């Protein structure tokens, strides 16, 4: 199993893309909550390769996304997490471009008991494929922007971009 990686400059800072066995396994901001570990590990154990098929496709699609011309990503993804986390991340991909959902709404859509929003928030925060698995689209029940591993400034930028309000 060979790990390929690439760094993509973007309007929200450098993005670390990681691919293994034909699927995207990571997209991390710099800085990002605990991302320094991923940046260090992948540079030690992987190979920088902007031309790897999945990485090249991700770079292209992310550039289109930031240009405002792509609203749905079409990439093979393979995030690593618990069964619960994988279920939450799958549900996040159903929150449409330019839309948001509360942590409680995501919990309800997953058929979880009331009060499970905290567990959804923890899974959301552990998402290893930021932007493409749109954890930035999850907000507080009162519409507030709550925690985001990449920082609230990035979350606001991504939401504004998707709603046509981003300043470049």
C-alpha atoms as a PDB file:
ATOM      1  CA  UNK A   1       0.000   0.000   0.000  1.00  0.00           C
ATOM      2  CA  UNK A   2       1.658   3.184  -1.176  1.00  0.00           C
ATOM      3  CA  UNK A   3       0.762   6.570   0.225  1.00  0.00           C
ATOM      4  CA  UNK A   4       0.870   9.590  -2.071  1.00  0.00           C
ATOM      5  CA  UNK A   5       0.476  13.162  -0.957  1.00  0.00           C
ATOM      6  CA  UNK A   6       0.354  16.666  -2.345  1.00  0.00           C
ATOM      7  CA  UNK A   7       0.036  20.189  -0.986  1.00  0.00           C
ATOM      8  CA  UNK A   8      -2.493  22.427  -2.717  1.00  0.00           C
ATOM      9  CA  UNK A   9      -2.413  26.182  -2.078  1.00  0.00           C
ATOM     10  CA  UNK A  10      -5.974  27.465  -1.664  1.00  0.00           C
ATOM     11  CA  UNK A  11      -7.864  30.562  -0.511  1.00  0.00           C
ATOM     12  CA  UNK A  12      -8.099  28.958   2.955  1.00  0.00           C
ATOM     13  CA  UNK A  13      -4.398  28.085   3.165  1.00  0.00           C
ATOM     14  CA  UNK A  14      -2.378  25.058   2.191  1.00  0.00           C
ATOM     15  CA  UNK A  15      -4.311  21.791   1.950  1.00  0.00           C
ATOM     16  CA  UNK A  16      -2.628  18.417   2.431  1.00  0.00           C
ATOM     17  CA  UNK A  17      -4.159  15.759   0.161  1.00  0.00           C
ATOM     18  CA  UNK A  18      -3.447  12.103   0.959  1.00  0.00           C
ATOM     19  CA  UNK A  19      -4.279   9.118  -1.256  1.00  0.00           C
ATOM     20  CA  UNK A  20      -3.847   5.392  -0.741  1.00  0.00           C
ATOM     21  CA  UNK A  21      -4.746   2.554  -3.094  1.00  0.00           C
ATOM     22  CA  UNK A  22      -6.736   4.692  -5.514  1.00  0.00           C
ATOM     23  CA  UNK A  23      -8.809   6.625  -2.969  1.00  0.00           C
ATOM     24  CA  UNK A  24      -8.527   9.927  -1.156  1.00  0.00           C
ATOM     25  CA  UNK A  25      -7.958   9.239   2.543  1.00  0.00           C
ATOM     26  CA  UNK A  26      -7.189  12.697   3.865  1.00  0.00           C
ATOM     27  CA  UNK A  27      -7.553  16.418   3.293  1.00  0.00           C
ATOM     28  CA  UNK A  28      -6.109  18.542   6.075  1.00  0.00           C
ATOM     29  CA  UNK A  29      -5.669  22.284   6.551  1.00  0.00           C
ATOM     30  CA  UNK A  30      -2.456  23.858   7.723  1.00  0.00           C
ATOM     31  CA  UNK A  31      -2.800  24.582  10.554  1.00  0.00           C
ATOM     32  CA  UNK A  32      -5.655  22.331  11.588  1.00  0.00           C
ATOM     33  CA  UNK A  33      -6.588  20.698  14.851  1.00  0.00           C
ATOM     34  CA  UNK A  34      -3.977  17.926  15.212  1.00  0.00           C
ATOM     35  CA  UNK A  35      -3.005  18.161  11.518  1.00  0.00           C
ATOM     36  CA  UNK A  36       0.697  18.583  12.245  1.00  0.00           C
ATOM     37  CA  UNK A  37       0.763  14.849  13.021  1.00  0.00           C
ATOM     38  CA  UNK A  38      -0.669  14.002   9.586  1.00  0.00           C
ATOM     39  CA  UNK A  39       1.651  16.398   7.790  1.00  0.00           C
ATOM     40  CA  UNK A  40       4.691  14.901   9.542  1.00  0.00           C
ATOM     41  CA  UNK A  41       3.625  11.250   9.154  1.00  0.00           C
ATOM     42  CA  UNK A  42       2.756  11.424   5.465  1.00  0.00           C
ATOM     43  CA  UNK A  43       5.945  13.245   4.528  1.00  0.00           C
ATOM     44  CA  UNK A  44       7.925  10.536   6.318  1.00  0.00           C
ATOM     45  CA  UNK A  45       6.011   7.493   5.054  1.00  0.00           C
ATOM     46  CA  UNK A  46       4.602   8.654   1.706  1.00  0.00           C
ATOM     47  CA  UNK A  47       5.688  10.055  -1.621  1.00  0.00           C
ATOM     48  CA  UNK A  48       4.878  13.526  -2.882  1.00  0.00           C
ATOM     49  CA  UNK A  49       3.047  13.019  -6.163  1.00  0.00           C
ATOM     50  CA  UNK A  50       0.841  15.741  -7.671  1.00  0.00           C
ATOM     51  CA  UNK A  51       0.204  13.462 -10.672  1.00  0.00           C
ATOM     52  CA  UNK A  52      -1.232  10.466  -8.787  1.00  0.00           C
ATOM     53  CA  UNK A  53      -4.685   9.959 -10.371  1.00  0.00           C
ATOM     54  CA  UNK A  54      -6.846  10.611  -7.293  1.00  0.00           C
ATOM     55  CA  UNK A  55      -4.693  13.487  -6.110  1.00  0.00           C
ATOM     56  CA  UNK A  56      -4.698  15.123  -9.555  1.00  0.00           C
ATOM     57  CA  UNK A  57      -8.498  14.772  -9.708  1.00  0.00           C
ATOM     58  CA  UNK A  58      -8.876  16.174  -6.170  1.00  0.00           C
ATOM     59  CA  UNK A  59      -6.599  19.127  -6.982  1.00  0.00           C
ATOM     60  CA  UNK A  60      -8.611  19.891 -10.115  1.00  0.00           C
ATOM     61  CA  UNK A  61     -11.979  19.573  -8.386  1.00  0.00           C
ATOM     62  CA  UNK A  62     -10.894  21.668  -5.408  1.00  0.00           C
ATOM     63  CA  UNK A  63      -9.659  24.412  -7.737  1.00  0.00           C
ATOM     64  CA  UNK A  64     -13.059  24.341  -9.483  1.00  0.00           C
ATOM     65  CA  UNK A  65     -14.815  24.422  -6.109  1.00  0.00           C
ATOM     66  CA  UNK A  66     -12.855  27.479  -4.972  1.00  0.00           C
ATOM     67  CA  UNK A  67     -13.557  29.144  -8.349  1.00  0.00           C
ATOM     68  CA  UNK A  68     -17.276  28.620  -7.667  1.00  0.00           C
ATOM     69  CA  UNK A  69     -17.847  26.298 -10.625  1.00  0.00           C
ATOM     70  CA  UNK A  70     -18.062  22.920  -8.817  1.00  0.00           C
ATOM     71  CA  UNK A  71     -20.809  22.100  -6.321  1.00  0.00           C
ATOM     72  CA  UNK A  72     -20.493  18.300  -6.035  1.00  0.00           C
ATOM     73  CA  UNK A  73     -17.248  16.372  -5.665  1.00  0.00           C
ATOM     74  CA  UNK A  74     -16.833  13.095  -7.525  1.00  0.00           C
ATOM     75  CA  UNK A  75     -13.863  11.306  -5.989  1.00  0.00           C
ATOM     76  CA  UNK A  76     -13.260   7.870  -4.520  1.00  0.00           C
ATOM     77  CA  UNK A  77     -13.032   8.395  -0.755  1.00  0.00           C
ATOM     78  CA  UNK A  78     -11.781   6.058   1.943  1.00  0.00           C
ATOM     79  CA  UNK A  79     -11.862   7.794   5.329  1.00  0.00           C
ATOM     80  CA  UNK A  80     -10.743   5.780   8.323  1.00  0.00           C
ATOM     81  CA  UNK A  81     -12.872   5.847  11.463  1.00  0.00           C
ATOM     82  CA  UNK A  82     -15.293   3.962  13.651  1.00  0.00           C
ATOM     83  CA  UNK A  83     -18.569   2.667  12.268  1.00  0.00           C
ATOM     84  CA  UNK A  84     -20.367   5.572  13.934  1.00  0.00           C
ATOM     85  CA  UNK A  85     -17.970   8.146  12.487  1.00  0.00           C
ATOM     86  CA  UNK A  86     -18.273   6.636   9.002  1.00  0.00           C
ATOM     87  CA  UNK A  87     -22.071   6.876   9.284  1.00  0.00           C
ATOM     88  CA  UNK A  88     -21.912  10.543  10.278  1.00  0.00           C
ATOM     89  CA  UNK A  89     -19.444  11.361   7.477  1.00  0.00           C
ATOM     90  CA  UNK A  90     -21.662   9.587   4.952  1.00  0.00           C
ATOM     91  CA  UNK A  91     -24.644  11.645   6.138  1.00  0.00           C
ATOM     92  CA  UNK A  92     -22.650  14.883   5.830  1.00  0.00           C
ATOM     93  CA  UNK A  93     -22.255  14.230   2.117  1.00  0.00           C
ATOM     94  CA  UNK A  94     -26.036  14.590   1.761  1.00  0.00           C
ATOM     95  CA  UNK A  95     -26.014  18.183   3.003  1.00  0.00           C
ATOM     96  CA  UNK A  96     -26.225  20.088  -0.272  1.00  0.00           C
ATOM     97  CA  UNK A  97     -23.899  22.782  -1.499  1.00  0.00           C
ATOM     98  CA  UNK A  98     -24.842  26.131   0.022  1.00  0.00           C
ATOM     99  CA  UNK A  99     -26.984  24.487   2.703  1.00  0.00           C
ATOM    100  CA  UNK A 100     -26.415  23.808   6.385  1.00  0.00           C
ATOM    101  CA  UNK A 101     -27.770  21.411   8.987  1.00  0.00           C
ATOM    102  CA  UNK A 102     -27.565  21.458  12.754  1.00  0.00           C
ATOM    103  CA  UNK A 103     -25.781  18.767  14.726  1.00  0.00           C
ATOM    104  CA  UNK A 104     -29.177  17.767  16.146  1.00  0.00           C
ATOM    105  CA  UNK A 105     -30.697  17.502  12.668  1.00  0.00           C
ATOM    106  CA  UNK A 106     -27.860  15.240  11.539  1.00  0.00           C
ATOM    107  CA  UNK A 107     -28.384  13.097  14.646  1.00  0.00           C
ATOM    108  CA  UNK A 108     -32.119  12.864  13.911  1.00  0.00           C
ATOM    109  CA  UNK A 109     -31.462  11.950  10.263  1.00  0.00           C
ATOM    110  CA  UNK A 110     -29.287   9.110  11.530  1.00  0.00           C
ATOM    111  CA  UNK A 111     -32.112   7.919  13.774  1.00  0.00           C
ATOM    112  CA  UNK A 112     -30.236   8.723  16.965  1.00  0.00           C
ATOM    113  CA  UNK A 113     -31.808   9.618  20.301  1.00  0.00           C
ATOM    114  CA  UNK A 114     -32.355  13.268  21.203  1.00  0.00           C
ATOM    115  CA  UNK A 115     -29.199  14.638  22.725  1.00  0.00           C
ATOM    116  CA  UNK A 116     -26.894  12.737  20.368  1.00  0.00           C
ATOM    117  CA  UNK A 117     -25.810  16.005  18.774  1.00  0.00           C
ATOM    118  CA  UNK A 118     -22.656  16.024  20.925  1.00  0.00           C
ATOM    119  CA  UNK A 119     -21.629  12.613  19.543  1.00  0.00           C
ATOM    120  CA  UNK A 120     -22.303  13.876  16.019  1.00  0.00           C
ATOM    121  CA  UNK A 121     -20.152  16.923  16.790  1.00  0.00           C
ATOM    122  CA  UNK A 122     -17.276  14.744  17.957  1.00  0.00           C
ATOM    123  CA  UNK A 123     -17.498  12.601  14.816  1.00  0.00           C
ATOM    124  CA  UNK A 124     -17.748  15.745  12.697  1.00  0.00           C
ATOM    125  CA  UNK A 125     -14.597  17.094  14.328  1.00  0.00           C
ATOM    126  CA  UNK A 126     -12.710  13.887  13.523  1.00  0.00           C
ATOM    127  CA  UNK A 127     -13.527  14.058   9.788  1.00  0.00           C
ATOM    128  CA  UNK A 128     -10.274  13.291   7.925  1.00  0.00           C
ATOM    129  CA  UNK A 129     -11.442  14.631   4.535  1.00  0.00           C
ATOM    130  CA  UNK A 130     -12.346  18.269   5.140  1.00  0.00           C
ATOM    131  CA  UNK A 131     -14.273  20.269   2.522  1.00  0.00           C
ATOM    132  CA  UNK A 132     -15.042  17.225   0.340  1.00  0.00           C
ATOM    133  CA  UNK A 133     -16.858  15.583   3.252  1.00  0.00           C
ATOM    134  CA  UNK A 134     -18.524  18.889   4.149  1.00  0.00           C
ATOM    135  CA  UNK A 135     -18.251  19.078   7.926  1.00  0.00           C
ATOM    136  CA  UNK A 136     -18.202  22.884   7.555  1.00  0.00           C
ATOM    137  CA  UNK A 137     -21.922  22.719   6.682  1.00  0.00           C
ATOM    138  CA  UNK A 138     -22.868  21.603  10.208  1.00  0.00           C
ATOM    139  CA  UNK A 139     -23.832  24.449  12.536  1.00  0.00           C
ATOM    140  CA  UNK A 140     -25.383  25.001  15.950  1.00  0.00           C
ATOM    141  CA  UNK A 141     -29.136  24.598  16.465  1.00  0.00           C
ATOM    142  CA  UNK A 142     -29.475  28.380  16.777  1.00  0.00           C
ATOM    143  CA  UNK A 143     -27.641  28.959  13.481  1.00  0.00           C
ATOM    144  CA  UNK A 144     -24.337  29.836  15.113  1.00  0.00           C
ATOM    145  CA  UNK A 145     -20.995  28.717  13.795  1.00  0.00           C
ATOM    146  CA  UNK A 146     -19.601  26.336  16.343  1.00  0.00           C
ATOM    147  CA  UNK A 147     -16.280  24.525  16.540  1.00  0.00           C
ATOM    148  CA  UNK A 148     -14.396  23.668  13.385  1.00  0.00           C
ATOM    149  CA  UNK A 149     -11.045  21.875  13.269  1.00  0.00           C
ATOM    150  CA  UNK A 150      -9.794  24.220  10.571  1.00  0.00           C
ATOM    151  CA  UNK A 151     -10.881  27.314  12.512  1.00  0.00           C
ATOM    152  CA  UNK A 152     -14.092  29.317  12.426  1.00  0.00           C
ATOM    153  CA  UNK A 153     -12.631  31.790   9.895  1.00  0.00           C
ATOM    154  CA  UNK A 154     -12.262  28.964   7.383  1.00  0.00           C
ATOM    155  CA  UNK A 155     -15.731  27.630   8.156  1.00  0.00           C
ATOM    156  CA  UNK A 156     -17.214  31.080   7.536  1.00  0.00           C
ATOM    157  CA  UNK A 157     -15.232  31.432   4.294  1.00  0.00           C
ATOM    158  CA  UNK A 158     -16.420  28.045   2.971  1.00  0.00           C
ATOM    159  CA  UNK A 159     -20.048  28.761   3.852  1.00  0.00           C
ATOM    160  CA  UNK A 160     -19.820  32.242   2.291  1.00  0.00           C
ATOM    161  CA  UNK A 161     -18.223  30.760  -0.841  1.00  0.00           C
ATOM    162  CA  UNK A 162     -21.062  28.270  -1.200  1.00  0.00           C
ATOM    163  CA  UNK A 163     -23.686  30.965  -0.672  1.00  0.00           C
ATOM    164  CA  UNK A 164     -22.053  33.275  -3.199  1.00  0.00           C
ATOM    165  CA  UNK A 165     -20.778  35.732  -0.587  1.00  0.00           C
ATOM    166  CA  UNK A 166     -17.040  34.975  -0.476  1.00  0.00           C
ATOM    167  CA  UNK A 167     -14.581  37.767  -1.096  1.00  0.00           C
ATOM    168  CA  UNK A 168     -11.441  36.743  -2.980  1.00  0.00           C
END
